[in-house]
């Protein structure tokens, strides 16, 4: 294989192996109509930086990091568009619920989503990387550009804030539930 073909083959392998994971990640954060653009931007960056793509298990966290930047950029653009549109119309607009909230039927899930929305972007990101992407602390650290210890601390703080915002007790706190006691369970 000629050396000119190496970057192309490397990129095609990365695209083939990680396209679905990056698409799912963007689907959880953006409206459906913006997902293809975000994924294209992520892989556009990967193509331009094909020689910088880390090998092996470090590839996906690297792509997630790029995706988080692209998602943030698109979300900022959407907020600016809504603000500009409301100024032009002379009307204030109420924030629209995310599609995920519309699907949620369980009150506890709704509380978690409301609480998640109150967290900082950094807090949301670390929780989503752990909960939705299933990344371990080391991979989260790579995505965030920090040490694994710092990633664990950020995750711990974000989870504590999430529990408090959702009104859930801290782990290890016994909660008396009469209906469970009547059934003979915890």
N, C-alpha and C. Protein backbone atom coordinates (compact mmCIF):
# COMPACT_ATOMS: atom_id res chain seq x y z
N UNK A 1 0.85 -1.18 0.00
CA UNK A 1 0.00 0.00 0.00
C UNK A 1 0.89 1.23 0.00
N UNK A 2 0.58 2.17 -0.86
CA UNK A 2 1.36 3.40 -0.95
C UNK A 2 1.13 4.24 0.29
N UNK A 3 2.15 5.02 0.66
CA UNK A 3 2.03 5.83 1.87
C UNK A 3 0.92 6.87 1.77
N UNK A 4 0.56 7.30 0.55
CA UNK A 4 -0.53 8.26 0.38
C UNK A 4 -1.88 7.64 0.73
N UNK A 5 -1.97 6.31 0.61
CA UNK A 5 -3.22 5.62 0.92
C UNK A 5 -3.40 5.38 2.42
N UNK A 6 -2.35 5.49 3.22
CA UNK A 6 -2.42 5.18 4.65
C UNK A 6 -3.40 6.08 5.40
N UNK A 7 -3.35 7.41 5.25
CA UNK A 7 -4.32 8.24 5.97
C UNK A 7 -5.76 7.93 5.56
N UNK A 8 -5.97 7.69 4.28
CA UNK A 8 -7.30 7.38 3.80
C UNK A 8 -7.81 6.09 4.41
N UNK A 9 -6.98 5.07 4.45
CA UNK A 9 -7.38 3.78 5.04
C UNK A 9 -7.61 3.94 6.55
N UNK A 10 -6.77 4.70 7.21
CA UNK A 10 -6.93 4.92 8.65
C UNK A 10 -8.26 5.61 8.92
N UNK A 11 -8.56 6.66 8.14
CA UNK A 11 -9.81 7.37 8.34
C UNK A 11 -11.01 6.47 8.07
N UNK A 12 -10.96 5.71 6.97
CA UNK A 12 -12.09 4.83 6.66
C UNK A 12 -12.33 3.82 7.78
N UNK A 13 -11.27 3.31 8.38
CA UNK A 13 -11.42 2.38 9.50
C UNK A 13 -12.05 3.04 10.72
N UNK A 14 -11.61 4.24 11.03
CA UNK A 14 -12.16 4.99 12.17
C UNK A 14 -13.63 5.30 11.90
N UNK A 15 -13.94 5.75 10.71
CA UNK A 15 -15.32 6.07 10.36
C UNK A 15 -16.21 4.83 10.49
N UNK A 16 -15.76 3.74 9.92
CA UNK A 16 -16.53 2.49 9.96
C UNK A 16 -16.75 2.01 11.39
N UNK A 17 -15.71 2.09 12.21
CA UNK A 17 -15.78 1.54 13.57
C UNK A 17 -16.56 2.43 14.54
N UNK A 18 -16.57 3.75 14.33
CA UNK A 18 -17.10 4.65 15.36
C UNK A 18 -18.25 5.55 14.91
N UNK A 19 -18.64 5.46 13.66
CA UNK A 19 -19.73 6.31 13.17
C UNK A 19 -21.01 6.12 13.99
N UNK A 20 -21.40 4.89 14.23
CA UNK A 20 -22.65 4.64 14.96
C UNK A 20 -22.59 5.18 16.39
N UNK A 21 -21.46 5.01 17.07
CA UNK A 21 -21.34 5.50 18.45
C UNK A 21 -21.42 7.02 18.49
N UNK A 22 -20.78 7.69 17.56
CA UNK A 22 -20.81 9.16 17.53
C UNK A 22 -22.22 9.64 17.17
N UNK A 23 -22.89 8.94 16.26
CA UNK A 23 -24.26 9.30 15.90
C UNK A 23 -25.18 9.17 17.10
N UNK A 24 -25.09 8.06 17.84
CA UNK A 24 -25.93 7.87 19.03
C UNK A 24 -25.66 8.96 20.06
N UNK A 25 -24.40 9.30 20.25
CA UNK A 25 -24.05 10.34 21.21
C UNK A 25 -24.68 11.68 20.81
N UNK A 26 -24.60 12.02 19.55
CA UNK A 26 -25.18 13.29 19.07
C UNK A 26 -26.71 13.25 19.14
N UNK A 27 -27.30 12.09 18.90
CA UNK A 27 -28.76 11.96 18.98
C UNK A 27 -29.29 12.27 20.38
N UNK A 28 -28.50 11.95 21.39
CA UNK A 28 -28.93 12.20 22.76
C UNK A 28 -28.83 13.67 23.13
N UNK A 29 -28.09 14.44 22.36
CA UNK A 29 -27.83 15.82 22.74
C UNK A 29 -28.44 16.87 21.81
N UNK A 30 -28.81 16.45 20.62
CA UNK A 30 -29.28 17.40 19.61
C UNK A 30 -30.62 16.96 19.02
N UNK A 31 -31.37 17.90 18.47
CA UNK A 31 -32.56 17.51 17.72
C UNK A 31 -32.14 16.66 16.51
N UNK A 32 -32.99 15.76 16.11
CA UNK A 32 -32.68 14.82 15.03
C UNK A 32 -32.19 15.53 13.77
N UNK A 33 -32.80 16.66 13.44
CA UNK A 33 -32.43 17.34 12.19
C UNK A 33 -31.02 17.92 12.22
N UNK A 34 -30.39 18.01 13.38
CA UNK A 34 -29.02 18.54 13.48
C UNK A 34 -27.96 17.44 13.60
N UNK A 35 -28.38 16.22 13.80
CA UNK A 35 -27.44 15.13 14.10
C UNK A 35 -26.49 14.86 12.95
N UNK A 36 -27.01 14.76 11.74
CA UNK A 36 -26.14 14.44 10.60
C UNK A 36 -25.07 15.51 10.41
N UNK A 37 -25.44 16.77 10.61
CA UNK A 37 -24.45 17.85 10.49
C UNK A 37 -23.37 17.72 11.56
N UNK A 38 -23.78 17.41 12.78
CA UNK A 38 -22.80 17.28 13.86
C UNK A 38 -21.85 16.12 13.59
N UNK A 39 -22.39 14.99 13.18
CA UNK A 39 -21.55 13.82 12.89
C UNK A 39 -20.60 14.13 11.75
N UNK A 40 -21.09 14.82 10.72
CA UNK A 40 -20.23 15.19 9.60
C UNK A 40 -19.09 16.11 10.06
N UNK A 41 -19.40 17.03 10.97
CA UNK A 41 -18.36 17.93 11.48
C UNK A 41 -17.31 17.16 12.28
N UNK A 42 -17.77 16.21 13.09
CA UNK A 42 -16.83 15.41 13.89
C UNK A 42 -15.87 14.66 12.97
N UNK A 43 -16.42 14.01 11.96
CA UNK A 43 -15.55 13.24 11.08
C UNK A 43 -14.78 14.14 10.11
N UNK A 44 -15.26 15.36 9.88
CA UNK A 44 -14.46 16.33 9.12
C UNK A 44 -13.19 16.70 9.88
N UNK A 45 -13.34 16.89 11.19
CA UNK A 45 -12.17 17.18 12.03
C UNK A 45 -11.24 15.96 12.03
N UNK A 46 -11.84 14.77 12.16
CA UNK A 46 -11.02 13.55 12.17
C UNK A 46 -10.24 13.41 10.85
N UNK A 47 -10.87 13.74 9.74
CA UNK A 47 -10.19 13.66 8.45
C UNK A 47 -9.03 14.65 8.40
N UNK A 48 -9.28 15.88 8.86
CA UNK A 48 -8.21 16.88 8.83
C UNK A 48 -7.07 16.52 9.77
N UNK A 49 -7.38 15.82 10.85
CA UNK A 49 -6.37 15.47 11.85
C UNK A 49 -6.10 13.97 11.87
N UNK A 50 -6.22 13.32 10.72
CA UNK A 50 -6.11 11.87 10.66
C UNK A 50 -4.78 11.37 11.24
N UNK A 51 -3.72 12.15 11.10
CA UNK A 51 -2.43 11.74 11.64
C UNK A 51 -2.37 11.88 13.15
N UNK A 52 -3.31 12.60 13.75
CA UNK A 52 -3.34 12.81 15.20
C UNK A 52 -4.32 11.87 15.92
N UNK A 53 -5.06 11.06 15.16
CA UNK A 53 -6.04 10.17 15.79
C UNK A 53 -5.29 9.16 16.64
N UNK A 54 -5.61 9.10 17.93
CA UNK A 54 -4.92 8.15 18.81
C UNK A 54 -5.33 6.71 18.46
N UNK A 55 -4.44 5.78 18.65
CA UNK A 55 -4.75 4.39 18.31
C UNK A 55 -5.55 3.68 19.41
N UNK A 56 -6.18 2.58 19.02
CA UNK A 56 -6.81 1.67 19.96
C UNK A 56 -7.96 2.27 20.75
N UNK A 57 -7.96 1.98 22.05
CA UNK A 57 -9.06 2.39 22.93
C UNK A 57 -9.14 3.90 23.12
N UNK A 58 -8.13 4.63 22.74
CA UNK A 58 -8.14 6.08 22.90
C UNK A 58 -8.88 6.79 21.77
N UNK A 59 -9.20 6.07 20.70
CA UNK A 59 -9.85 6.70 19.54
C UNK A 59 -11.24 7.22 19.87
N UNK A 60 -12.07 6.38 20.48
CA UNK A 60 -13.45 6.79 20.75
C UNK A 60 -13.53 7.98 21.71
N UNK A 61 -12.80 7.99 22.82
CA UNK A 61 -12.84 9.18 23.67
C UNK A 61 -12.38 10.45 22.92
N UNK A 62 -11.41 10.31 22.05
CA UNK A 62 -10.94 11.45 21.25
C UNK A 62 -12.08 11.96 20.36
N UNK A 63 -12.81 11.05 19.73
CA UNK A 63 -13.94 11.44 18.90
C UNK A 63 -15.07 12.05 19.74
N UNK A 64 -15.32 11.48 20.93
CA UNK A 64 -16.34 12.04 21.82
C UNK A 64 -15.99 13.47 22.22
N UNK A 65 -14.71 13.73 22.42
CA UNK A 65 -14.30 15.08 22.78
C UNK A 65 -14.61 16.06 21.65
N UNK A 66 -14.30 15.65 20.44
CA UNK A 66 -14.60 16.49 19.28
C UNK A 66 -16.12 16.67 19.18
N UNK A 67 -16.86 15.59 19.39
CA UNK A 67 -18.32 15.66 19.32
C UNK A 67 -18.88 16.62 20.36
N UNK A 68 -18.31 16.61 21.56
CA UNK A 68 -18.81 17.51 22.60
C UNK A 68 -18.60 18.96 22.20
N UNK A 69 -17.48 19.27 21.56
CA UNK A 69 -17.25 20.62 21.07
C UNK A 69 -18.26 20.99 19.99
N UNK A 70 -18.48 20.08 19.05
CA UNK A 70 -19.40 20.36 17.95
C UNK A 70 -20.84 20.52 18.45
N UNK A 71 -21.25 19.65 19.39
CA UNK A 71 -22.60 19.74 19.96
C UNK A 71 -22.76 21.08 20.67
N UNK A 72 -21.77 21.47 21.46
CA UNK A 72 -21.84 22.76 22.16
C UNK A 72 -21.96 23.92 21.18
N UNK A 73 -21.21 23.87 20.12
CA UNK A 73 -21.26 24.92 19.11
C UNK A 73 -22.64 24.98 18.47
N UNK A 74 -23.20 23.84 18.14
CA UNK A 74 -24.52 23.81 17.51
C UNK A 74 -25.61 24.27 18.48
N UNK A 75 -25.49 23.89 19.75
CA UNK A 75 -26.48 24.32 20.75
C UNK A 75 -26.42 25.83 20.95
N UNK A 76 -25.20 26.39 21.00
CA UNK A 76 -25.06 27.84 21.11
C UNK A 76 -25.70 28.54 19.91
N UNK A 77 -25.45 28.00 18.73
CA UNK A 77 -26.02 28.59 17.52
C UNK A 77 -27.54 28.54 17.57
N UNK A 78 -28.10 27.43 18.03
CA UNK A 78 -29.55 27.30 18.11
C UNK A 78 -30.13 28.31 19.11
N UNK A 79 -29.45 28.48 20.25
CA UNK A 79 -29.92 29.46 21.24
C UNK A 79 -29.87 30.88 20.67
N UNK A 80 -28.82 31.18 19.96
CA UNK A 80 -28.69 32.51 19.35
C UNK A 80 -29.79 32.73 18.32
N UNK A 81 -30.08 31.69 17.54
CA UNK A 81 -31.13 31.79 16.53
C UNK A 81 -32.48 32.06 17.18
N UNK A 82 -32.80 31.32 18.23
CA UNK A 82 -34.08 31.51 18.92
C UNK A 82 -34.15 32.91 19.52
N UNK A 83 -33.06 33.37 20.12
CA UNK A 83 -33.05 34.71 20.70
C UNK A 83 -33.23 35.78 19.63
N UNK A 84 -32.56 35.61 18.51
CA UNK A 84 -32.68 36.58 17.42
C UNK A 84 -34.10 36.56 16.85
N UNK A 85 -34.64 35.38 16.67
CA UNK A 85 -35.99 35.25 16.13
C UNK A 85 -37.01 35.91 17.06
N UNK A 86 -36.85 35.71 18.37
CA UNK A 86 -37.80 36.32 19.30
C UNK A 86 -37.65 37.85 19.31
N UNK A 87 -36.43 38.34 19.15
CA UNK A 87 -36.24 39.79 19.07
C UNK A 87 -36.91 40.34 17.82
N UNK A 88 -36.72 39.62 16.72
CA UNK A 88 -37.31 40.08 15.46
C UNK A 88 -38.83 40.03 15.50
N UNK A 89 -39.37 39.06 16.17
CA UNK A 89 -40.83 38.95 16.28
C UNK A 89 -41.38 39.86 17.37
N UNK A 90 -40.50 40.36 18.21
CA UNK A 90 -40.95 41.20 19.31
C UNK A 90 -41.64 40.41 20.40
N UNK A 91 -41.48 39.11 20.38
CA UNK A 91 -42.12 38.24 21.36
C UNK A 91 -41.07 37.43 22.10
N UNK A 92 -41.32 37.18 23.37
CA UNK A 92 -40.48 36.24 24.10
C UNK A 92 -40.94 34.83 23.80
N UNK A 93 -40.03 33.90 23.84
CA UNK A 93 -40.42 32.51 23.58
C UNK A 93 -40.15 31.68 24.83
N UNK A 94 -41.05 30.78 25.08
CA UNK A 94 -40.85 29.84 26.18
C UNK A 94 -39.93 28.74 25.69
N UNK A 95 -39.03 28.28 26.54
CA UNK A 95 -38.15 27.21 26.10
C UNK A 95 -38.95 25.95 25.78
N UNK A 96 -38.59 25.34 24.68
CA UNK A 96 -39.26 24.10 24.28
C UNK A 96 -38.64 22.93 25.01
N UNK A 97 -39.47 21.95 25.31
CA UNK A 97 -38.94 20.76 25.97
C UNK A 97 -38.16 19.94 24.97
N UNK A 98 -37.11 19.33 25.45
CA UNK A 98 -36.31 18.43 24.62
C UNK A 98 -37.16 17.20 24.29
N UNK A 99 -36.88 16.55 23.17
CA UNK A 99 -37.64 15.35 22.81
C UNK A 99 -37.60 14.28 23.90
N UNK A 100 -36.45 14.17 24.60
CA UNK A 100 -36.35 13.16 25.64
C UNK A 100 -37.39 13.38 26.74
N UNK A 101 -37.64 14.64 27.08
CA UNK A 101 -38.58 14.96 28.16
C UNK A 101 -39.99 14.57 27.74
N UNK A 102 -40.32 14.77 26.46
CA UNK A 102 -41.64 14.44 25.96
C UNK A 102 -41.91 12.94 26.04
N UNK A 103 -40.87 12.14 25.89
CA UNK A 103 -41.02 10.69 25.90
C UNK A 103 -41.15 10.16 27.33
N UNK A 104 -40.55 10.85 28.25
CA UNK A 104 -40.50 10.37 29.63
C UNK A 104 -41.90 10.34 30.24
N UNK A 105 -42.26 9.22 30.81
CA UNK A 105 -43.56 9.10 31.45
C UNK A 105 -43.41 8.90 32.95
N UNK A 106 -42.28 8.49 33.36
CA UNK A 106 -42.03 8.21 34.76
C UNK A 106 -41.65 9.49 35.50
N UNK A 107 -42.27 9.75 36.63
CA UNK A 107 -42.01 10.98 37.39
C UNK A 107 -40.57 11.06 37.85
N UNK A 108 -39.98 9.96 38.20
CA UNK A 108 -38.59 9.96 38.64
C UNK A 108 -37.66 10.33 37.49
N UNK A 109 -37.93 9.80 36.31
CA UNK A 109 -37.12 10.15 35.15
C UNK A 109 -37.27 11.63 34.81
N UNK A 110 -38.47 12.14 34.93
CA UNK A 110 -38.68 13.56 34.68
C UNK A 110 -37.90 14.42 35.67
N UNK A 111 -37.88 13.97 36.94
CA UNK A 111 -37.12 14.72 37.95
C UNK A 111 -35.63 14.72 37.63
N UNK A 112 -35.12 13.59 37.17
CA UNK A 112 -33.70 13.51 36.81
C UNK A 112 -33.40 14.42 35.63
N UNK A 113 -34.26 14.41 34.63
CA UNK A 113 -34.02 15.27 33.47
C UNK A 113 -34.09 16.75 33.84
N UNK A 114 -35.05 17.11 34.68
CA UNK A 114 -35.12 18.51 35.13
C UNK A 114 -33.87 18.88 35.92
N UNK A 115 -33.44 17.97 36.78
CA UNK A 115 -32.24 18.23 37.59
C UNK A 115 -31.00 18.30 36.69
N UNK A 116 -30.93 17.44 35.68
CA UNK A 116 -29.79 17.45 34.76
C UNK A 116 -29.70 18.79 34.03
N UNK A 117 -30.83 19.36 33.71
CA UNK A 117 -30.85 20.66 33.02
C UNK A 117 -30.35 21.79 33.90
N UNK A 118 -30.38 21.61 35.23
CA UNK A 118 -29.91 22.67 36.12
C UNK A 118 -28.40 22.63 36.31
N UNK A 119 -27.78 21.54 35.92
CA UNK A 119 -26.34 21.41 36.09
C UNK A 119 -25.60 22.25 35.05
N UNK A 120 -24.37 22.54 35.36
CA UNK A 120 -23.52 23.25 34.39
C UNK A 120 -23.28 22.34 33.19
N UNK A 121 -22.82 22.93 32.09
CA UNK A 121 -22.50 22.13 30.91
C UNK A 121 -21.47 21.06 31.24
N UNK A 122 -20.48 21.42 32.05
CA UNK A 122 -19.42 20.47 32.42
C UNK A 122 -20.00 19.33 33.26
N UNK A 123 -20.89 19.64 34.18
CA UNK A 123 -21.52 18.61 35.01
C UNK A 123 -22.37 17.67 34.19
N UNK A 124 -23.16 18.24 33.28
CA UNK A 124 -23.98 17.40 32.39
C UNK A 124 -23.09 16.50 31.55
N UNK A 125 -22.04 17.07 31.00
CA UNK A 125 -21.17 16.31 30.10
C UNK A 125 -20.56 15.10 30.81
N UNK A 126 -20.05 15.29 32.01
CA UNK A 126 -19.41 14.18 32.71
C UNK A 126 -20.43 13.09 33.05
N UNK A 127 -21.65 13.48 33.41
CA UNK A 127 -22.68 12.49 33.72
C UNK A 127 -23.10 11.75 32.45
N UNK A 128 -23.26 12.47 31.34
CA UNK A 128 -23.64 11.82 30.09
C UNK A 128 -22.55 10.88 29.59
N UNK A 129 -21.30 11.28 29.73
CA UNK A 129 -20.22 10.40 29.31
C UNK A 129 -20.22 9.10 30.10
N UNK A 130 -20.52 9.19 31.39
CA UNK A 130 -20.54 7.99 32.23
C UNK A 130 -21.83 7.18 32.01
N UNK A 131 -22.98 7.86 32.06
CA UNK A 131 -24.26 7.16 32.04
C UNK A 131 -24.67 6.70 30.65
N UNK A 132 -24.59 7.58 29.67
CA UNK A 132 -25.04 7.22 28.33
C UNK A 132 -23.97 6.52 27.52
N UNK A 133 -22.75 7.02 27.58
CA UNK A 133 -21.68 6.44 26.78
C UNK A 133 -21.02 5.26 27.48
N UNK A 134 -21.20 5.17 28.81
CA UNK A 134 -20.63 4.05 29.56
C UNK A 134 -19.12 4.09 29.66
N UNK A 135 -18.54 5.29 29.61
CA UNK A 135 -17.08 5.39 29.64
C UNK A 135 -16.56 5.26 31.07
N UNK A 136 -15.43 4.58 31.24
CA UNK A 136 -14.78 4.53 32.56
C UNK A 136 -14.07 5.86 32.83
N UNK A 137 -13.64 6.04 34.06
CA UNK A 137 -13.03 7.32 34.47
C UNK A 137 -11.82 7.69 33.61
N UNK A 138 -11.02 6.70 33.24
CA UNK A 138 -9.85 7.00 32.41
C UNK A 138 -10.22 7.57 31.06
N UNK A 139 -11.24 7.01 30.43
CA UNK A 139 -11.68 7.52 29.13
C UNK A 139 -12.36 8.88 29.29
N UNK A 140 -13.12 9.05 30.37
CA UNK A 140 -13.74 10.35 30.62
C UNK A 140 -12.65 11.41 30.78
N UNK A 141 -11.59 11.04 31.48
CA UNK A 141 -10.47 11.97 31.67
C UNK A 141 -9.87 12.38 30.33
N UNK A 142 -9.74 11.42 29.40
CA UNK A 142 -9.22 11.75 28.08
C UNK A 142 -10.14 12.72 27.35
N UNK A 143 -11.45 12.47 27.42
CA UNK A 143 -12.40 13.34 26.74
C UNK A 143 -12.35 14.75 27.33
N UNK A 144 -12.26 14.84 28.65
CA UNK A 144 -12.28 16.15 29.32
C UNK A 144 -10.91 16.81 29.36
N UNK A 145 -9.87 16.05 29.06
CA UNK A 145 -8.52 16.62 29.10
C UNK A 145 -8.01 16.84 30.51
N UNK A 146 -8.30 15.88 31.40
CA UNK A 146 -7.86 16.00 32.79
C UNK A 146 -7.36 14.64 33.27
N UNK A 147 -6.92 14.57 34.51
CA UNK A 147 -6.44 13.31 35.07
C UNK A 147 -7.63 12.43 35.44
N UNK A 148 -7.43 11.10 35.54
CA UNK A 148 -8.52 10.23 35.97
C UNK A 148 -9.07 10.60 37.36
N UNK A 149 -8.20 11.04 38.26
CA UNK A 149 -8.65 11.45 39.59
C UNK A 149 -9.57 12.66 39.49
N UNK A 150 -9.19 13.62 38.66
CA UNK A 150 -10.01 14.81 38.48
C UNK A 150 -11.35 14.44 37.84
N UNK A 151 -11.33 13.50 36.90
CA UNK A 151 -12.58 13.05 36.27
C UNK A 151 -13.50 12.40 37.29
N UNK A 152 -12.93 11.58 38.19
CA UNK A 152 -13.75 10.94 39.23
C UNK A 152 -14.33 11.99 40.17
N UNK A 153 -13.54 12.99 40.53
CA UNK A 153 -14.04 14.06 41.41
C UNK A 153 -15.15 14.85 40.73
N UNK A 154 -14.95 15.17 39.45
CA UNK A 154 -15.98 15.91 38.72
C UNK A 154 -17.27 15.10 38.64
N UNK A 155 -17.14 13.79 38.38
CA UNK A 155 -18.31 12.94 38.31
C UNK A 155 -19.01 12.87 39.66
N UNK A 156 -18.24 12.72 40.72
CA UNK A 156 -18.82 12.63 42.06
C UNK A 156 -19.58 13.91 42.41
N UNK A 157 -18.97 15.06 42.13
CA UNK A 157 -19.63 16.34 42.41
C UNK A 157 -20.89 16.51 41.57
N UNK A 158 -20.79 16.16 40.30
CA UNK A 158 -21.95 16.32 39.42
C UNK A 158 -23.09 15.40 39.86
N UNK A 159 -22.77 14.18 40.27
CA UNK A 159 -23.82 13.27 40.73
C UNK A 159 -24.45 13.77 42.03
N UNK A 160 -23.63 14.32 42.93
CA UNK A 160 -24.16 14.87 44.18
C UNK A 160 -25.12 16.03 43.87
N UNK A 161 -24.73 16.90 42.95
CA UNK A 161 -25.59 18.03 42.57
C UNK A 161 -26.87 17.54 41.89
N UNK A 162 -26.73 16.51 41.08
CA UNK A 162 -27.89 15.95 40.40
C UNK A 162 -28.89 15.37 41.40
N UNK A 163 -28.38 14.59 42.36
CA UNK A 163 -29.26 14.01 43.39
C UNK A 163 -29.97 15.11 44.17
N UNK A 164 -29.23 16.15 44.54
CA UNK A 164 -29.82 17.24 45.31
C UNK A 164 -30.88 17.97 44.48
N UNK A 165 -30.57 18.28 43.23
CA UNK A 165 -31.52 18.99 42.37
C UNK A 165 -32.77 18.17 42.10
N UNK A 166 -32.62 16.85 42.04
CA UNK A 166 -33.76 15.97 41.77
C UNK A 166 -34.54 15.64 43.04
N UNK A 167 -33.97 16.00 44.20
CA UNK A 167 -34.64 15.71 45.46
C UNK A 167 -34.47 14.28 45.93
N UNK A 168 -33.42 13.62 45.45
CA UNK A 168 -33.16 12.24 45.85
C UNK A 168 -32.22 12.23 47.05
N UNK A 169 -32.37 11.26 47.94
CA UNK A 169 -31.45 11.18 49.08
C UNK A 169 -30.05 10.77 48.64
N UNK A 170 -29.08 11.10 49.44
CA UNK A 170 -27.71 10.70 49.15
C UNK A 170 -27.59 9.19 49.31
N UNK A 171 -26.65 8.56 48.62
CA UNK A 171 -26.48 7.13 48.78
C UNK A 171 -26.13 6.79 50.23
N UNK A 172 -26.63 5.70 50.68
CA UNK A 172 -26.34 5.27 52.04
C UNK A 172 -27.32 5.81 53.06
N UNK A 173 -28.23 6.70 52.64
CA UNK A 173 -29.23 7.23 53.56
C UNK A 173 -30.45 6.33 53.49
N UNK A 174 -30.84 5.79 54.63
CA UNK A 174 -32.00 4.91 54.67
C UNK A 174 -33.27 5.73 54.45
N UNK A 175 -34.12 5.24 53.60
CA UNK A 175 -35.37 5.91 53.30
C UNK A 175 -36.50 4.97 53.68
N UNK A 176 -37.39 5.44 54.53
CA UNK A 176 -38.53 4.64 54.95
C UNK A 176 -39.61 4.75 53.88
N UNK A 177 -39.99 3.60 53.33
CA UNK A 177 -41.05 3.57 52.34
C UNK A 177 -42.15 2.66 52.86
N UNK A 178 -43.24 3.22 53.35
CA UNK A 178 -44.30 2.40 53.95
C UNK A 178 -44.85 1.34 53.01
N UNK A 179 -44.99 1.67 51.72
CA UNK A 179 -45.57 0.69 50.80
C UNK A 179 -44.65 -0.52 50.66
N UNK A 180 -43.33 -0.31 50.74
CA UNK A 180 -42.40 -1.44 50.65
C UNK A 180 -42.46 -2.26 51.93
N UNK A 181 -42.58 -1.59 53.07
CA UNK A 181 -42.66 -2.31 54.33
C UNK A 181 -43.90 -3.19 54.37
N UNK A 182 -45.00 -2.71 53.80
CA UNK A 182 -46.23 -3.49 53.78
C UNK A 182 -46.09 -4.74 52.92
N UNK A 183 -45.26 -4.63 51.86
CA UNK A 183 -45.03 -5.80 51.00
C UNK A 183 -43.97 -6.71 51.59
N UNK A 184 -43.30 -6.25 52.63
CA UNK A 184 -42.25 -7.05 53.24
C UNK A 184 -40.90 -6.89 52.59
N UNK A 185 -40.71 -5.82 51.83
CA UNK A 185 -39.44 -5.60 51.14
C UNK A 185 -38.81 -4.30 51.58
N UNK A 186 -37.65 -3.98 51.02
CA UNK A 186 -36.96 -2.74 51.37
C UNK A 186 -37.64 -1.52 50.85
